[in-house]
Amino acid sequence: MSQNNENFQYSTQHKIEWVKLYYYKDRSYRDVSDLFHENHMEIPKPSPSTIQRLIRKFETTGSVENIKPSGRPKTATDDQSSADILAKVAVSPVKSLSKLGAEAGISGSSAHRILIKSKYHPYKTQLVQHLAKDDFDRRVEFCQWAVEMCDSNPNFSKEILFSDEAIFYLNGHVNRQNTRFWSDNNPYWSSDSKAQGDPRVMVWCGIWNDRIIGPYFFDKSVTGATYLELLEDKVWPEIELFHGLGQVWFQQDGAPAHYHKDVRQWLDMKMPGRWIGRRGPVEWPPRSPDLTLPDFFLWGYLKSKVYDCKPRNLQELMDNIRETCRSITPQMLMNVRKEWELRIKHCIANDGKQFEHLI
């Protein structure tokens, strides 16, 4: 059988696959031909010119099939409608059902039935941190250390005071629940998160054993001096007060204020050999919010609650944050610690790359 056969009748599903391959990552016609052939070695390989004609037809008519000049109107159950909807989803998977239906000349509910019948599902986009190639090894190294510590001490996760800062905006947070991608398989699409809005407040929180430390608010910008003041005046007294809980390890990320020389010297004095951070006794891997409890649990939980009763000013916003922190139970934090222990293992298993789609 020849590799290129212009007379071969490709199915509607084959043509839809060409559209998907072409528009995903802006591939060339030749790339589409090669990739399609790798997936379907049993049929002739389409030529790049065949792919090009199909794409031009789709861009002109919105369909992968020939438009019939006359005949009965298409219905939600005919092949033409199904082909149109699936091809349009391949190009724009975030388009609403009503808009998909309108463009195909059918109702939104009919478009929904076509997608469900074709085993398509609406998937949420997931916010993840961008990683550089150099990050993978450092993430694995940290997680391997953490797993060894947990294996030697089942209570190790209780001994870590996980800490972080976050910005809360008075006008609310971005609603991440409303974005859906239609696909016949979970594509694990993701996007990096970006803060926006004003006015705002910066809050620090820690999670230690079965309690929330804080929240504490910064009256001015977070610098090495203001951060050290927070540790000395607010955080350390709580550590001393509850030190009977056992050994304490302090975790912080690599933010500039955390890396300040005076901060590192203070941590070396107060918790020698027992703090985790940039250039600490235990190195914290950069760009790893998926490995710290405030980032993968606390901030999202707070932002889902503090705006239920819309705050009218920053004072009300801070009051809502305090009240929501008080509502977090020890059982919730125990579950979060267990999730952290699973996360560090998933990170190792996935060679330090993003792993949240595996959880």
Protein backbone atom coordinates (compact mmCIF):
# COMPACT_ATOMS: atom_id res chain seq x y z
CA MET A 1 0.00 0.00 0.00
CA SER A 2 1.49 3.37 -0.97
CA GLN A 3 2.29 5.89 1.71
CA ASN A 4 0.21 8.62 0.01
CA ASN A 5 -3.13 7.74 -1.48
CA GLU A 6 -5.32 10.64 -2.59
CA ASN A 7 -8.17 8.27 -3.50
CA PHE A 8 -8.52 6.77 -0.04
CA GLN A 9 -11.75 7.76 1.72
CA TYR A 10 -10.83 9.01 5.17
CA SER A 11 -13.57 8.95 7.78
CA THR A 12 -15.07 11.96 9.53
CA GLN A 13 -13.24 10.98 12.71
CA HIS A 14 -9.94 10.92 10.80
CA LYS A 15 -10.57 14.44 9.50
CA ILE A 16 -11.48 15.69 12.97
CA GLU A 17 -8.21 14.26 14.23
CA TRP A 18 -6.33 16.24 11.56
CA VAL A 19 -8.01 19.42 12.77
CA LYS A 20 -7.08 18.63 16.37
CA LEU A 21 -3.46 17.91 15.49
CA TYR A 22 -3.16 21.01 13.32
CA TYR A 23 -4.51 23.53 15.81
CA TYR A 24 -2.84 22.03 18.86
CA LYS A 25 0.53 23.79 19.23
CA ASP A 26 0.22 25.28 15.70
CA ARG A 27 1.64 22.25 13.92
CA SER A 28 2.48 22.24 10.19
CA TYR A 29 0.58 20.21 7.60
CA ARG A 30 3.55 17.85 7.30
CA ASP A 31 3.69 17.39 11.08
CA VAL A 32 -0.01 16.53 11.10
CA SER A 33 0.52 14.00 8.33
CA ASP A 34 3.43 12.36 10.15
CA LEU A 35 1.71 12.24 13.54
CA PHE A 36 -1.52 10.91 12.07
CA HIS A 37 0.39 8.17 10.25
CA GLU A 38 2.13 7.16 13.48
CA ASN A 39 -1.29 6.63 15.07
CA HIS A 40 -2.83 4.85 12.04
CA MET A 41 -0.20 2.73 10.33
CA GLU A 42 -2.91 0.46 8.94
CA ILE A 43 -4.25 3.08 6.48
CA PRO A 44 -2.54 5.24 3.83
CA LYS A 45 -0.68 8.29 5.03
CA PRO A 46 -2.45 11.53 4.04
CA SER A 47 -0.31 13.98 2.11
CA PRO A 48 0.34 17.47 3.51
CA SER A 49 -1.69 18.90 0.61
CA THR A 50 -4.67 16.75 1.62
CA ILE A 51 -4.38 18.08 5.17
CA GLN A 52 -4.10 21.63 3.85
CA ARG A 53 -7.28 21.33 1.73
CA LEU A 54 -9.20 19.94 4.68
CA ILE A 55 -8.05 22.74 7.02
CA ARG A 56 -8.95 25.40 4.43
CA LYS A 57 -12.40 23.85 4.01
CA PHE A 58 -12.90 23.81 7.76
CA GLU A 59 -11.82 27.44 8.15
CA THR A 60 -14.16 28.48 5.34
CA THR A 61 -17.24 26.40 6.15
CA GLY A 62 -16.76 25.45 9.80
CA SER A 63 -17.10 21.80 8.81
CA VAL A 64 -14.81 18.93 7.84
CA GLU A 65 -17.44 17.59 5.45
CA ASN A 66 -18.72 18.88 2.13
CA ILE A 67 -21.65 21.27 2.50
CA LYS A 68 -24.72 19.93 0.74
CA PRO A 69 -26.53 22.59 -1.35
CA SER A 70 -30.00 21.32 -0.53
CA GLY A 71 -31.92 18.67 1.35
CA ARG A 72 -33.58 18.34 4.71
CA PRO A 73 -32.19 20.50 7.53
CA LYS A 74 -29.57 18.84 9.66
CA THR A 75 -30.60 17.57 13.06
CA ALA A 76 -28.72 17.06 16.30
CA THR A 77 -28.45 13.36 15.54
CA ASP A 78 -27.02 13.41 12.04
CA ASP A 79 -23.35 12.87 11.21
CA GLN A 80 -22.94 16.39 9.81
CA SER A 81 -23.94 18.06 13.10
CA SER A 82 -21.75 15.75 15.12
CA ALA A 83 -18.78 16.35 12.85
CA ASP A 84 -19.26 20.12 13.04
CA ILE A 85 -19.44 20.16 16.83
CA LEU A 86 -16.43 17.89 17.35
CA ALA A 87 -14.33 19.85 14.88
CA LYS A 88 -15.23 23.16 16.51
CA VAL A 89 -14.36 21.80 19.95
CA ALA A 90 -10.99 20.68 18.59
CA VAL A 91 -10.26 24.29 17.61
CA SER A 92 -11.78 26.01 20.66
CA PRO A 93 -12.27 23.60 23.57
CA VAL A 94 -13.25 26.39 25.99
CA LYS A 95 -16.18 27.65 23.92
CA SER A 96 -19.58 27.48 25.65
CA LEU A 97 -22.17 24.91 24.62
CA SER A 98 -24.62 27.59 23.52
CA LYS A 99 -22.05 29.20 21.24
CA LEU A 100 -20.97 25.84 19.83
CA GLY A 101 -24.57 25.00 19.05
CA ALA A 102 -25.32 28.39 17.49
CA GLU A 103 -22.32 28.14 15.18
CA ALA A 104 -23.39 24.64 14.10
CA GLY A 105 -27.04 25.62 13.68
CA ILE A 106 -28.34 23.50 16.56
CA SER A 107 -29.24 24.12 20.20
CA GLY A 108 -26.77 24.15 23.07
CA SER A 109 -28.46 21.10 24.58
CA SER A 110 -28.04 19.24 21.29
CA ALA A 111 -24.35 20.17 21.24
CA HIS A 112 -24.09 18.84 24.78
CA ARG A 113 -25.69 15.52 23.77
CA ILE A 114 -23.25 15.16 20.88
CA LEU A 115 -20.26 15.71 23.16
CA ILE A 116 -21.53 13.29 25.79
CA LYS A 117 -22.37 10.67 23.15
CA SER A 118 -18.83 11.04 21.76
CA LYS A 119 -17.46 10.50 25.30
CA TYR A 120 -16.24 14.07 25.73
CA HIS A 121 -16.07 15.50 29.25
CA PRO A 122 -15.67 19.00 30.71
CA TYR A 123 -12.34 19.28 32.51
CA LYS A 124 -11.26 22.06 34.84
CA THR A 125 -8.08 23.95 34.15
CA GLN A 126 -5.56 23.49 36.94
CA LEU A 127 -3.28 26.24 38.17
CA VAL A 128 0.30 25.07 38.48
CA GLN A 129 3.69 26.65 38.99
CA HIS A 130 5.99 26.96 36.00
CA LEU A 131 9.15 24.89 36.47
CA ALA A 132 12.60 25.27 34.95
CA LYS A 133 14.57 22.20 33.91
CA ASP A 134 17.09 22.78 36.69
CA ASP A 135 14.30 22.59 39.29
CA PHE A 136 13.50 18.91 38.82
CA ASP A 137 16.59 17.48 40.50
CA ARG A 138 16.33 19.87 43.44
CA ARG A 139 12.69 18.98 43.98
CA VAL A 140 13.49 15.27 43.93
CA GLU A 141 16.41 15.77 46.32
CA PHE A 142 14.23 17.61 48.84
CA CYS A 143 11.41 15.07 48.57
CA GLN A 144 13.76 12.14 49.03
CA TRP A 145 15.10 13.77 52.20
CA ALA A 146 11.55 14.37 53.44
CA VAL A 147 10.49 10.77 52.74
CA GLU A 148 13.52 9.47 54.65
CA MET A 149 12.65 11.74 57.59
CA CYS A 150 9.04 10.52 57.57
CA ASP A 151 10.16 6.90 57.41
CA SER A 152 12.44 7.33 60.43
CA ASN A 153 9.92 9.46 62.35
CA PRO A 154 6.17 8.96 61.66
CA ASN A 155 5.47 12.30 63.36
CA PHE A 156 7.90 14.28 61.24
CA SER A 157 5.23 16.13 59.23
CA LYS A 158 3.76 17.37 62.54
CA GLU A 159 7.09 18.93 63.47
CA ILE A 160 7.36 21.16 60.40
CA LEU A 161 5.98 24.68 60.70
CA PHE A 162 5.07 25.38 57.07
CA SER A 163 4.88 29.13 56.43
CA ASP A 164 4.08 31.52 53.63
CA GLU A 165 2.62 34.93 52.72
CA ALA A 166 -0.25 35.65 50.35
CA ILE A 167 -2.02 38.70 48.98
CA PHE A 168 -5.78 39.07 49.47
CA TYR A 169 -7.58 41.62 47.33
CA LEU A 170 -10.63 43.48 48.54
CA ASN A 171 -12.47 42.95 45.25
CA GLY A 172 -12.23 39.16 45.62
CA HIS A 173 -10.25 36.39 44.02
CA VAL A 174 -10.33 35.00 40.51
CA ASN A 175 -13.03 32.32 40.28
CA ARG A 176 -11.14 29.28 39.05
CA GLN A 177 -14.18 27.01 39.06
CA ASN A 178 -15.93 28.33 35.95
CA THR A 179 -13.42 27.43 33.26
CA ARG A 180 -14.01 24.11 31.50
CA PHE A 181 -12.23 22.42 28.61
CA TRP A 182 -14.18 19.92 26.50
CA SER A 183 -12.08 16.93 25.47
CA ASP A 184 -12.41 13.20 24.87
CA ASN A 185 -9.53 12.66 27.30
CA ASN A 186 -8.19 14.67 30.22
CA PRO A 187 -5.55 16.92 28.63
CA TYR A 188 -4.29 18.21 32.00
CA TRP A 189 -4.16 21.73 30.63
CA SER A 190 -2.84 24.20 33.14
CA SER A 191 -2.05 27.85 33.58
CA ASP A 192 0.24 29.80 35.82
CA SER A 193 -1.59 31.90 38.42
CA LYS A 194 -1.27 35.70 38.51
CA ALA A 195 -2.42 38.04 41.23
CA GLN A 196 -4.48 41.08 40.33
CA GLY A 197 -6.58 43.80 41.84
CA ASP A 198 -6.31 46.53 44.43
CA PRO A 199 -6.60 47.46 47.33
CA ARG A 200 -5.04 44.50 49.02
CA VAL A 201 -3.54 43.12 52.21
CA MET A 202 -0.52 40.88 52.73
CA VAL A 203 -1.03 38.07 55.24
CA TRP A 204 1.40 35.56 56.79
CA CYS A 205 0.25 32.18 58.09
CA GLY A 206 1.87 29.02 59.33
CA ILE A 207 0.62 25.47 59.74
CA TRP A 208 2.19 23.52 62.59
CA ASN A 209 0.90 20.18 63.79
CA ASP A 210 -2.86 20.62 64.35
CA ARG A 211 -2.97 24.41 64.54
CA ILE A 212 -2.78 27.55 62.42
CA ILE A 213 -0.10 30.02 63.48
CA GLY A 214 -1.42 33.52 62.74
CA PRO A 215 -2.76 35.03 60.61
CA TYR A 216 -0.48 38.05 60.87
CA PHE A 217 -0.72 41.08 58.62
CA PHE A 218 2.02 43.35 57.31
CA ASP A 219 1.40 47.07 57.79
CA LYS A 220 4.00 47.87 55.15
CA SER A 221 5.90 46.11 52.39
CA VAL A 222 7.57 42.81 53.19
CA THR A 223 11.31 43.35 53.52
CA GLY A 224 14.00 41.43 55.35
CA ALA A 225 13.57 43.80 58.30
CA THR A 226 9.76 43.59 58.50
CA TYR A 227 9.83 39.82 58.02
CA LEU A 228 12.41 39.38 60.78
CA GLU A 229 10.30 41.60 63.04
CA LEU A 230 7.33 39.29 62.43
CA LEU A 231 9.38 36.20 63.29
CA GLU A 232 10.76 37.74 66.47
CA ASP A 233 7.60 39.41 67.80
CA LYS A 234 4.82 37.08 66.62
CA VAL A 235 6.00 33.68 65.41
CA TRP A 236 8.74 32.80 67.88
CA PRO A 237 6.58 33.49 70.99
CA GLU A 238 3.99 31.00 69.64
CA ILE A 239 6.70 28.43 68.98
CA GLU A 240 7.95 28.80 72.54
CA LEU A 241 4.42 28.67 73.93
CA PHE A 242 3.60 25.36 72.21
CA HIS A 243 7.09 23.88 72.13
CA GLY A 244 5.78 20.96 74.17
CA LEU A 245 4.30 19.66 70.93
CA GLY A 246 7.78 18.36 70.10
CA GLN A 247 10.69 19.17 67.81
CA VAL A 248 10.18 22.13 65.47
CA TRP A 249 11.38 22.50 61.90
CA PHE A 250 10.68 25.87 60.27
CA GLN A 251 9.94 25.98 56.52
CA GLN A 252 9.94 29.03 54.28
CA ASP A 253 10.31 29.51 50.54
CA GLY A 254 13.03 31.44 48.74
CA ALA A 255 11.37 34.88 48.67
CA PRO A 256 13.88 37.78 48.86
CA ALA A 257 12.75 38.81 52.36
CA HIS A 258 13.26 35.24 53.60
CA TYR A 259 16.74 35.13 52.09
CA HIS A 260 17.91 38.25 53.91
CA LYS A 261 21.20 37.71 55.74
CA ASP A 262 19.76 38.82 59.11
CA VAL A 263 16.81 36.43 58.74
CA ARG A 264 19.07 33.46 58.00
CA GLN A 265 21.35 34.32 60.91
CA TRP A 266 18.36 34.57 63.24
CA LEU A 267 17.03 31.18 62.10
CA ASP A 268 20.49 29.61 62.53
CA MET A 269 20.52 30.94 66.11
CA LYS A 270 16.96 29.99 67.08
CA MET A 271 16.62 26.70 65.18
CA PRO A 272 20.15 25.52 64.33
CA GLY A 273 20.09 22.82 61.68
CA ARG A 274 16.29 22.71 61.76
CA TRP A 275 15.03 25.15 59.17
CA ILE A 276 14.19 24.65 55.52
CA GLY A 277 14.71 27.43 53.03
CA ARG A 278 16.95 29.01 50.46
CA ARG A 279 20.53 28.36 51.60
CA GLY A 280 19.23 26.79 54.78
CA PRO A 281 20.43 23.60 56.47
CA VAL A 282 17.86 21.92 54.23
CA GLU A 283 17.52 23.59 50.83
CA TRP A 284 13.97 24.46 49.77
CA PRO A 285 13.45 23.72 46.04
CA PRO A 286 12.51 26.89 44.10
CA ARG A 287 9.09 27.26 42.48
CA SER A 288 7.53 24.51 44.59
CA PRO A 289 4.23 25.79 46.06
CA ASP A 290 2.79 22.33 45.39
CA LEU A 291 4.97 21.03 48.23
CA THR A 292 4.00 23.43 51.01
CA LEU A 293 0.74 23.30 52.98
CA PRO A 294 -0.19 27.00 52.86
CA ASP A 295 0.04 27.05 49.07
CA PHE A 296 -1.72 23.82 48.12
CA PHE A 297 -4.35 24.03 50.86
CA LEU A 298 -4.61 27.09 53.08
CA TRP A 299 -4.69 29.99 50.62
CA GLY A 300 -7.20 28.33 48.35
CA TYR A 301 -9.41 27.38 51.29
CA LEU A 302 -9.32 30.89 52.74
CA LYS A 303 -10.04 32.55 49.42
CA SER A 304 -13.03 30.26 48.90
CA LYS A 305 -14.53 31.40 52.23
CA VAL A 306 -13.54 34.95 53.13
CA TYR A 307 -15.52 36.50 50.27
CA ASP A 308 -18.80 34.72 51.08
CA CYS A 309 -19.83 37.84 53.00
CA LYS A 310 -18.31 40.45 50.74
CA PRO A 311 -15.97 42.65 52.81
CA ARG A 312 -16.52 46.38 52.37
CA ASN A 313 -13.07 47.44 53.49
CA LEU A 314 -9.68 45.97 54.39
CA GLN A 315 -10.55 45.70 58.08
CA GLU A 316 -13.54 43.49 57.30
CA LEU A 317 -11.37 41.45 54.93
CA MET A 318 -8.80 40.87 57.69
CA ASP A 319 -11.56 39.95 60.15
CA ASN A 320 -12.92 37.41 57.67
CA ILE A 321 -9.45 35.89 57.26
CA ARG A 322 -9.03 35.57 61.05
CA GLU A 323 -12.46 34.00 61.47
CA THR A 324 -11.92 31.50 58.65
CA CYS A 325 -8.54 30.48 60.10
CA ARG A 326 -10.24 29.80 63.44
CA SER A 327 -12.77 27.56 61.69
CA ILE A 328 -10.08 25.16 60.40
CA THR A 329 -10.17 21.99 62.50
CA PRO A 330 -7.30 19.75 63.64
CA GLN A 331 -8.82 16.94 61.59
CA MET A 332 -8.59 19.06 58.44
CA LEU A 333 -4.92 19.78 59.11
CA MET A 334 -4.21 16.11 59.81
CA ASN A 335 -5.66 15.26 56.38
CA VAL A 336 -3.56 17.98 54.78
CA ARG A 337 -0.37 16.61 56.35
CA LYS A 338 -1.22 13.16 55.00
CA GLU A 339 -1.68 14.70 51.56
CA TRP A 340 1.75 16.35 51.85
CA GLU A 341 3.32 12.96 52.56
CA LEU A 342 1.67 11.63 49.39
CA ARG A 343 2.73 14.68 47.38
CA ILE A 344 6.42 14.27 48.10
CA LYS A 345 6.20 10.66 46.92
CA HIS A 346 4.34 11.67 43.75
CA CYS A 347 6.99 14.30 43.08
CA ILE A 348 9.74 11.68 43.27
CA ALA A 349 7.78 9.25 41.10
CA ASN A 350 7.31 11.96 38.45
CA ASP A 351 11.01 12.93 38.46
CA GLY A 352 10.39 16.32 40.04
CA LYS A 353 7.91 17.49 37.40
CA GLN A 354 4.36 18.72 38.08
CA PHE A 355 2.40 15.88 39.58
CA GLU A 356 -0.95 17.28 40.72
CA HIS A 357 -2.77 15.60 37.83
CA LEU A 358 -1.67 12.26 39.37
CA ILE A 359 -3.31 12.89 42.75
